[in-house]
């Protein structure tokens, strides 16, 4: 075989090898991006669930206006949290996701019931909440 023919074969083999490496790299990179997106959504959802749970526990232990306001604010963001919508894409692939989404549904139901009961009973409505005193920075009861 001539040198020219050997170099041509070597060039073809190297080209095929480089295409194979490129294909493997791109497929692994796509999988890496997908895994990263899943883990980010999972961690954000767990964090949102955990912080809402902590505020709910604090609300149940000490019912005061500050905790009630914090729970309402957190609950509004919790209901609209994008991380749970992102997780719904992986519900069929990972059984962990469906249990996390069901916990979210349960927590939303519980908090909605508690906040509705609070509104119905008139506890901590805005006109009965303590107003801050600008002179000393202390909260005084509403007149």
N, C-alpha and C. Protein backbone atom coordinates (compact mmCIF):
# COMPACT_ATOMS: atom_id res chain seq x y z
N UNK A 1 0.84 -1.18 0.00
CA UNK A 1 0.00 0.00 0.00
C UNK A 1 0.89 1.24 0.00
N UNK A 2 0.41 2.17 -0.67
CA UNK A 2 1.19 3.40 -0.78
C UNK A 2 0.96 4.29 0.44
N UNK A 3 1.84 5.20 0.61
CA UNK A 3 1.76 6.14 1.72
C UNK A 3 0.51 7.02 1.61
N UNK A 4 0.17 7.39 0.40
CA UNK A 4 -1.00 8.23 0.16
C UNK A 4 -2.28 7.49 0.56
N UNK A 5 -2.36 6.22 0.24
CA UNK A 5 -3.54 5.42 0.58
C UNK A 5 -3.63 5.23 2.10
N UNK A 6 -2.51 5.00 2.77
CA UNK A 6 -2.50 4.85 4.23
C UNK A 6 -2.94 6.14 4.94
N UNK A 7 -2.47 7.25 4.43
CA UNK A 7 -2.87 8.53 5.02
C UNK A 7 -4.36 8.80 4.80
N UNK A 8 -4.89 8.41 3.66
CA UNK A 8 -6.32 8.58 3.38
C UNK A 8 -7.16 7.73 4.34
N UNK A 9 -6.75 6.50 4.54
CA UNK A 9 -7.47 5.61 5.47
C UNK A 9 -7.39 6.16 6.89
N UNK A 10 -6.22 6.63 7.28
CA UNK A 10 -6.05 7.20 8.62
C UNK A 10 -6.92 8.45 8.79
N UNK A 11 -6.98 9.28 7.78
CA UNK A 11 -7.81 10.47 7.82
C UNK A 11 -9.29 10.12 7.95
N UNK A 12 -9.75 9.12 7.21
CA UNK A 12 -11.15 8.68 7.29
C UNK A 12 -11.45 8.12 8.68
N UNK A 13 -10.55 7.31 9.23
CA UNK A 13 -10.75 6.73 10.56
C UNK A 13 -10.78 7.83 11.62
N UNK A 14 -9.87 8.79 11.52
CA UNK A 14 -9.86 9.90 12.48
C UNK A 14 -11.11 10.76 12.38
N UNK A 15 -11.60 10.97 11.17
CA UNK A 15 -12.83 11.73 10.97
C UNK A 15 -14.02 11.01 11.59
N UNK A 16 -14.12 9.71 11.35
CA UNK A 16 -15.20 8.93 11.96
C UNK A 16 -15.11 8.94 13.48
N UNK A 17 -13.89 8.82 13.99
CA UNK A 17 -13.69 8.86 15.43
C UNK A 17 -14.09 10.22 16.01
N UNK A 18 -13.75 11.30 15.32
CA UNK A 18 -14.11 12.63 15.82
C UNK A 18 -15.63 12.84 15.79
N UNK A 19 -16.31 12.31 14.75
CA UNK A 19 -17.78 12.38 14.73
C UNK A 19 -18.40 11.58 15.87
N UNK A 20 -17.83 10.43 16.16
CA UNK A 20 -18.31 9.61 17.27
C UNK A 20 -18.14 10.34 18.60
N UNK A 21 -16.98 10.95 18.79
CA UNK A 21 -16.72 11.71 20.02
C UNK A 21 -17.68 12.89 20.12
N UNK A 22 -17.91 13.58 19.03
CA UNK A 22 -18.83 14.71 19.02
C UNK A 22 -20.25 14.26 19.36
N UNK A 23 -20.69 13.15 18.79
CA UNK A 23 -22.02 12.63 19.08
C UNK A 23 -22.15 12.26 20.56
N UNK A 24 -21.15 11.58 21.09
CA UNK A 24 -21.18 11.19 22.51
C UNK A 24 -21.20 12.42 23.39
N UNK A 25 -20.38 13.40 23.07
CA UNK A 25 -20.32 14.62 23.87
C UNK A 25 -21.65 15.35 23.86
N UNK A 26 -22.26 15.52 22.69
CA UNK A 26 -23.52 16.26 22.62
C UNK A 26 -24.65 15.52 23.32
N UNK A 27 -24.69 14.20 23.19
CA UNK A 27 -25.76 13.46 23.87
C UNK A 27 -25.57 13.50 25.39
N UNK A 28 -24.33 13.40 25.85
CA UNK A 28 -24.07 13.51 27.29
C UNK A 28 -24.36 14.92 27.79
N UNK A 29 -24.05 15.91 26.98
CA UNK A 29 -24.30 17.29 27.39
C UNK A 29 -25.79 17.56 27.50
N UNK A 30 -26.58 17.03 26.56
CA UNK A 30 -28.04 17.19 26.65
C UNK A 30 -28.59 16.51 27.90
N UNK A 31 -28.08 15.33 28.21
CA UNK A 31 -28.50 14.63 29.42
C UNK A 31 -28.08 15.40 30.66
N UNK A 32 -26.89 15.96 30.64
CA UNK A 32 -26.40 16.77 31.75
C UNK A 32 -27.30 17.99 31.97
N UNK A 33 -27.67 18.68 30.89
CA UNK A 33 -28.56 19.84 31.02
C UNK A 33 -29.92 19.43 31.56
N UNK A 34 -30.44 18.31 31.09
CA UNK A 34 -31.73 17.82 31.58
C UNK A 34 -31.65 17.48 33.06
N UNK A 35 -30.59 16.79 33.46
CA UNK A 35 -30.43 16.45 34.88
C UNK A 35 -30.27 17.70 35.74
N UNK A 36 -29.52 18.66 35.24
CA UNK A 36 -29.33 19.90 35.99
C UNK A 36 -30.65 20.64 36.16
N UNK A 37 -31.44 20.70 35.10
CA UNK A 37 -32.75 21.35 35.18
C UNK A 37 -33.66 20.63 36.19
N UNK A 38 -33.64 19.30 36.15
CA UNK A 38 -34.47 18.54 37.09
C UNK A 38 -34.04 18.78 38.53
N UNK A 39 -32.74 18.71 38.80
CA UNK A 39 -32.27 18.90 40.17
C UNK A 39 -32.51 20.32 40.67
N UNK A 40 -32.39 21.29 39.80
CA UNK A 40 -32.68 22.67 40.19
C UNK A 40 -34.15 22.82 40.56
N UNK A 41 -35.03 22.30 39.72
CA UNK A 41 -36.47 22.38 40.00
C UNK A 41 -36.82 21.61 41.27
N UNK A 42 -36.21 20.45 41.45
CA UNK A 42 -36.48 19.65 42.64
C UNK A 42 -36.03 20.37 43.91
N UNK A 43 -34.83 20.94 43.89
CA UNK A 43 -34.34 21.64 45.07
C UNK A 43 -35.15 22.89 45.37
N UNK A 44 -35.55 23.63 44.35
CA UNK A 44 -36.39 24.81 44.57
C UNK A 44 -37.75 24.42 45.13
N UNK A 45 -38.33 23.34 44.62
CA UNK A 45 -39.63 22.89 45.11
C UNK A 45 -39.53 22.41 46.56
N UNK A 46 -38.48 21.67 46.86
CA UNK A 46 -38.29 21.20 48.24
C UNK A 46 -38.09 22.38 49.19
N UNK A 47 -37.32 23.38 48.76
CA UNK A 47 -37.09 24.56 49.60
C UNK A 47 -38.40 25.31 49.83
N UNK A 48 -39.18 25.49 48.79
CA UNK A 48 -40.46 26.18 48.92
C UNK A 48 -41.40 25.41 49.84
N UNK A 49 -41.45 24.10 49.68
CA UNK A 49 -42.29 23.26 50.53
C UNK A 49 -41.83 23.33 51.98
N UNK A 50 -40.53 23.28 52.19
CA UNK A 50 -39.98 23.29 53.55
C UNK A 50 -40.22 24.63 54.25
N UNK A 51 -40.00 25.74 53.55
CA UNK A 51 -40.21 27.04 54.19
C UNK A 51 -41.68 27.28 54.49
N UNK A 52 -42.56 26.83 53.62
CA UNK A 52 -43.99 26.96 53.89
C UNK A 52 -44.39 26.10 55.08
N UNK A 53 -43.82 24.91 55.17
CA UNK A 53 -44.11 24.02 56.30
C UNK A 53 -43.63 24.64 57.61
N UNK A 54 -42.46 25.23 57.60
CA UNK A 54 -41.92 25.86 58.81
C UNK A 54 -42.82 27.02 59.25
N UNK A 55 -43.25 27.85 58.30
CA UNK A 55 -44.16 28.95 58.65
C UNK A 55 -45.50 28.43 59.16
N UNK A 56 -45.99 27.35 58.58
CA UNK A 56 -47.24 26.76 59.05
C UNK A 56 -47.09 26.24 60.47
N UNK A 57 -45.98 25.57 60.76
CA UNK A 57 -45.74 25.09 62.13
C UNK A 57 -45.66 26.25 63.11
N UNK A 58 -44.97 27.32 62.71
CA UNK A 58 -44.88 28.49 63.58
C UNK A 58 -46.25 29.11 63.79
N UNK A 59 -47.06 29.16 62.74
CA UNK A 59 -48.41 29.70 62.85
C UNK A 59 -49.26 28.87 63.80
N UNK A 60 -49.14 27.55 63.73
CA UNK A 60 -49.93 26.69 64.60
C UNK A 60 -49.47 26.78 66.06
N UNK A 61 -48.18 27.00 66.27
CA UNK A 61 -47.66 27.10 67.64
C UNK A 61 -47.97 28.44 68.29
N UNK A 62 -47.83 29.51 67.55
CA UNK A 62 -48.08 30.83 68.12
C UNK A 62 -48.87 31.67 67.13
N UNK A 63 -50.13 31.78 67.38
CA UNK A 63 -50.98 32.56 66.47
C UNK A 63 -50.84 34.03 66.83
N UNK A 64 -50.08 34.73 66.00
CA UNK A 64 -49.98 36.17 66.17
C UNK A 64 -49.99 36.82 64.79
N UNK A 65 -50.22 38.13 64.73
CA UNK A 65 -50.37 38.80 63.43
C UNK A 65 -49.13 38.70 62.54
N UNK A 66 -47.93 38.76 63.13
CA UNK A 66 -46.71 38.71 62.33
C UNK A 66 -46.61 37.38 61.58
N UNK A 67 -46.83 36.29 62.30
CA UNK A 67 -46.73 34.96 61.68
C UNK A 67 -47.85 34.78 60.65
N UNK A 68 -49.02 35.31 60.96
CA UNK A 68 -50.13 35.20 60.02
C UNK A 68 -49.82 35.93 58.71
N UNK A 69 -49.26 37.13 58.81
CA UNK A 69 -48.89 37.88 57.60
C UNK A 69 -47.81 37.14 56.82
N UNK A 70 -46.80 36.63 57.53
CA UNK A 70 -45.73 35.89 56.85
C UNK A 70 -46.28 34.67 56.13
N UNK A 71 -47.20 33.96 56.79
CA UNK A 71 -47.77 32.76 56.17
C UNK A 71 -48.58 33.14 54.94
N UNK A 72 -49.35 34.22 55.02
CA UNK A 72 -50.14 34.65 53.86
C UNK A 72 -49.24 35.03 52.68
N UNK A 73 -48.18 35.77 52.97
CA UNK A 73 -47.26 36.19 51.90
C UNK A 73 -46.58 34.97 51.29
N UNK A 74 -46.09 34.09 52.13
CA UNK A 74 -45.40 32.89 51.63
C UNK A 74 -46.38 31.99 50.87
N UNK A 75 -47.60 31.91 51.36
CA UNK A 75 -48.59 31.05 50.72
C UNK A 75 -48.94 31.56 49.32
N UNK A 76 -49.02 32.88 49.16
CA UNK A 76 -49.30 33.43 47.83
C UNK A 76 -48.20 33.08 46.84
N UNK A 77 -46.96 33.16 47.27
CA UNK A 77 -45.86 32.78 46.37
C UNK A 77 -45.78 31.27 46.20
N UNK A 78 -46.15 30.53 47.23
CA UNK A 78 -46.12 29.07 47.17
C UNK A 78 -47.11 28.53 46.15
N UNK A 79 -48.30 29.14 46.09
CA UNK A 79 -49.31 28.68 45.14
C UNK A 79 -48.88 28.92 43.69
N UNK A 80 -48.12 29.99 43.46
CA UNK A 80 -47.71 30.34 42.10
C UNK A 80 -46.30 29.88 41.77
N UNK A 81 -45.71 29.02 42.57
CA UNK A 81 -44.31 28.63 42.40
C UNK A 81 -44.10 27.86 41.10
N UNK A 82 -43.18 28.35 40.28
CA UNK A 82 -42.88 27.74 38.98
C UNK A 82 -42.16 26.40 39.10
N UNK A 83 -41.45 26.19 40.19
CA UNK A 83 -40.67 24.95 40.31
C UNK A 83 -41.57 23.72 40.32
N UNK A 84 -42.76 23.84 40.87
CA UNK A 84 -43.68 22.69 40.88
C UNK A 84 -44.21 22.41 39.47
N UNK A 85 -44.44 23.47 38.70
CA UNK A 85 -44.87 23.26 37.31
C UNK A 85 -43.75 22.62 36.50
N UNK A 86 -42.51 23.02 36.79
CA UNK A 86 -41.37 22.41 36.09
C UNK A 86 -41.23 20.94 36.46
N UNK A 87 -41.55 20.60 37.69
CA UNK A 87 -41.43 19.20 38.12
C UNK A 87 -42.46 18.29 37.48
N UNK A 88 -43.59 18.84 37.09
CA UNK A 88 -44.64 18.01 36.50
C UNK A 88 -44.17 17.30 35.23
N UNK A 89 -43.16 17.85 34.57
CA UNK A 89 -42.62 17.20 33.36
C UNK A 89 -41.99 15.85 33.68
N UNK A 90 -41.45 15.72 34.89
CA UNK A 90 -40.74 14.50 35.26
C UNK A 90 -41.57 13.58 36.15
N UNK A 91 -42.84 13.85 36.27
CA UNK A 91 -43.69 13.05 37.15
C UNK A 91 -43.75 11.58 36.71
N UNK A 92 -43.71 11.34 35.42
CA UNK A 92 -43.78 9.95 34.94
C UNK A 92 -42.45 9.23 35.09
N UNK A 93 -41.34 9.97 35.06
CA UNK A 93 -40.03 9.33 35.14
C UNK A 93 -39.60 8.99 36.56
N UNK A 94 -39.91 9.86 37.49
CA UNK A 94 -39.43 9.69 38.86
C UNK A 94 -40.61 9.62 39.83
N UNK A 95 -40.74 8.54 40.61
CA UNK A 95 -41.85 8.43 41.56
C UNK A 95 -41.75 9.46 42.68
N UNK A 96 -40.57 9.96 42.96
CA UNK A 96 -40.39 10.97 44.00
C UNK A 96 -41.18 12.24 43.68
N UNK A 97 -41.27 12.57 42.42
CA UNK A 97 -41.92 13.81 42.02
C UNK A 97 -43.41 13.78 42.33
N UNK A 98 -44.06 12.67 42.07
CA UNK A 98 -45.51 12.59 42.33
C UNK A 98 -45.81 12.71 43.82
N UNK A 99 -44.96 12.14 44.67
CA UNK A 99 -45.20 12.28 46.11
C UNK A 99 -44.95 13.72 46.57
N UNK A 100 -43.97 14.39 45.97
CA UNK A 100 -43.71 15.79 46.32
C UNK A 100 -44.87 16.67 45.87
N UNK A 101 -45.41 16.41 44.70
CA UNK A 101 -46.54 17.20 44.21
C UNK A 101 -47.80 16.94 45.04
N UNK A 102 -47.98 15.71 45.52
CA UNK A 102 -49.15 15.44 46.37
C UNK A 102 -48.99 16.11 47.73
N UNK A 103 -47.75 16.17 48.24
CA UNK A 103 -47.52 16.90 49.50
C UNK A 103 -47.83 18.38 49.32
N UNK A 104 -47.49 18.92 48.18
CA UNK A 104 -47.79 20.32 47.91
C UNK A 104 -49.30 20.53 47.89
N UNK A 105 -50.02 19.64 47.22
CA UNK A 105 -51.48 19.75 47.16
C UNK A 105 -52.09 19.69 48.56
N UNK A 106 -51.61 18.77 49.38
CA UNK A 106 -52.10 18.66 50.75
C UNK A 106 -51.81 19.91 51.56
N UNK A 107 -50.60 20.44 51.41
CA UNK A 107 -50.23 21.64 52.16
C UNK A 107 -51.05 22.84 51.72
N UNK A 108 -51.29 22.97 50.42
CA UNK A 108 -52.13 24.06 49.92
C UNK A 108 -53.53 23.95 50.52
N UNK A 109 -54.08 22.76 50.55
CA UNK A 109 -55.42 22.55 51.10
C UNK A 109 -55.47 22.92 52.59
N UNK A 110 -54.49 22.48 53.35
CA UNK A 110 -54.46 22.75 54.79
C UNK A 110 -54.33 24.25 55.06
N UNK A 111 -53.41 24.89 54.36
CA UNK A 111 -53.20 26.33 54.60
C UNK A 111 -54.42 27.13 54.16
N UNK A 112 -55.04 26.76 53.05
CA UNK A 112 -56.26 27.45 52.63
C UNK A 112 -57.36 27.32 53.67
N UNK A 113 -57.52 26.13 54.24
CA UNK A 113 -58.52 25.95 55.29
C UNK A 113 -58.22 26.81 56.52
N UNK A 114 -56.97 26.82 56.95
CA UNK A 114 -56.61 27.61 58.13
C UNK A 114 -56.79 29.11 57.89
N UNK A 115 -56.38 29.58 56.73
CA UNK A 115 -56.53 31.01 56.45
C UNK A 115 -57.99 31.39 56.26
N UNK A 116 -58.79 30.51 55.69
CA UNK A 116 -60.22 30.79 55.56
C UNK A 116 -60.89 30.82 56.94
N UNK A 117 -60.49 29.91 57.82
CA UNK A 117 -61.03 29.91 59.18
C UNK A 117 -60.62 31.18 59.92
N UNK A 118 -59.40 31.61 59.71
CA UNK A 118 -58.92 32.84 60.35
C UNK A 118 -59.73 34.04 59.89
N UNK A 119 -60.00 34.11 58.59
CA UNK A 119 -60.80 35.21 58.06
C UNK A 119 -62.24 35.14 58.56
N UNK A 120 -62.79 33.95 58.63
CA UNK A 120 -64.16 33.78 59.09
C UNK A 120 -64.30 34.17 60.55
N UNK A 121 -63.32 33.79 61.37
CA UNK A 121 -63.37 34.10 62.79
C UNK A 121 -62.97 35.54 63.09
N UNK A 122 -62.41 36.22 62.11
CA UNK A 122 -62.02 37.61 62.31
C UNK A 122 -60.73 37.79 63.08
N UNK A 123 -59.93 36.74 63.16
CA UNK A 123 -58.66 36.84 63.87
C UNK A 123 -57.66 37.54 62.96
N UNK A 124 -56.96 38.51 63.49
CA UNK A 124 -55.87 39.20 62.81
C UNK A 124 -56.29 39.84 61.49
N UNK A 125 -57.49 40.37 61.45
CA UNK A 125 -57.86 41.13 60.26
C UNK A 125 -57.09 42.44 60.28
N UNK A 126 -56.90 43.10 59.14
CA UNK A 126 -56.06 44.29 59.09
C UNK A 126 -56.44 45.39 60.08
N UNK A 127 -57.74 45.58 60.38
CA UNK A 127 -58.12 46.65 61.30
C UNK A 127 -57.84 46.29 62.76
N UNK A 128 -57.62 45.02 63.08
CA UNK A 128 -57.33 44.64 64.46
C UNK A 128 -55.85 44.36 64.68
N UNK A 129 -55.04 44.46 63.61
CA UNK A 129 -53.61 44.21 63.76
C UNK A 129 -52.94 45.39 64.44
N UNK A 130 -51.94 45.15 65.26
CA UNK A 130 -51.21 46.25 65.89
C UNK A 130 -50.54 47.13 64.84
N UNK A 131 -50.61 48.44 65.05
CA UNK A 131 -50.00 49.41 64.15
C UNK A 131 -48.66 49.85 64.72
N UNK A 132 -47.64 50.00 63.88
CA UNK A 132 -46.34 50.43 64.41
C UNK A 132 -46.38 51.88 64.85
N UNK A 133 -45.70 52.16 65.95
CA UNK A 133 -45.60 53.52 66.45
C UNK A 133 -44.31 54.11 65.89
N UNK A 134 -44.42 55.18 65.09
CA UNK A 134 -43.26 55.75 64.41
C UNK A 134 -42.28 56.39 65.39
N UNK A 135 -42.76 56.80 66.56
CA UNK A 135 -41.87 57.49 67.50
C UNK A 135 -40.84 56.56 68.11
N UNK A 136 -41.26 55.38 68.52
CA UNK A 136 -40.34 54.48 69.22
C UNK A 136 -40.11 53.18 68.48
N UNK A 137 -40.81 52.95 67.38
CA UNK A 137 -40.61 51.73 66.62
C UNK A 137 -41.24 50.50 67.24
N UNK A 138 -42.19 50.71 68.15
CA UNK A 138 -42.87 49.58 68.79
C UNK A 138 -44.27 49.44 68.22
N UNK A 139 -44.79 48.25 68.27
CA UNK A 139 -46.15 48.01 67.79
C UNK A 139 -47.12 48.26 68.92
N UNK A 140 -48.09 49.13 68.65
CA UNK A 140 -49.13 49.43 69.62
C UNK A 140 -50.46 48.92 69.09
N UNK A 141 -51.39 48.56 69.99
CA UNK A 141 -52.69 48.08 69.52
C UNK A 141 -53.43 49.15 68.73
N UNK A 142 -54.23 48.72 67.77
CA UNK A 142 -55.01 49.65 66.96
C UNK A 142 -56.08 50.29 67.83
N UNK A 143 -56.39 51.58 67.58
CA UNK A 143 -57.43 52.27 68.39
C UNK A 143 -58.80 51.74 68.11
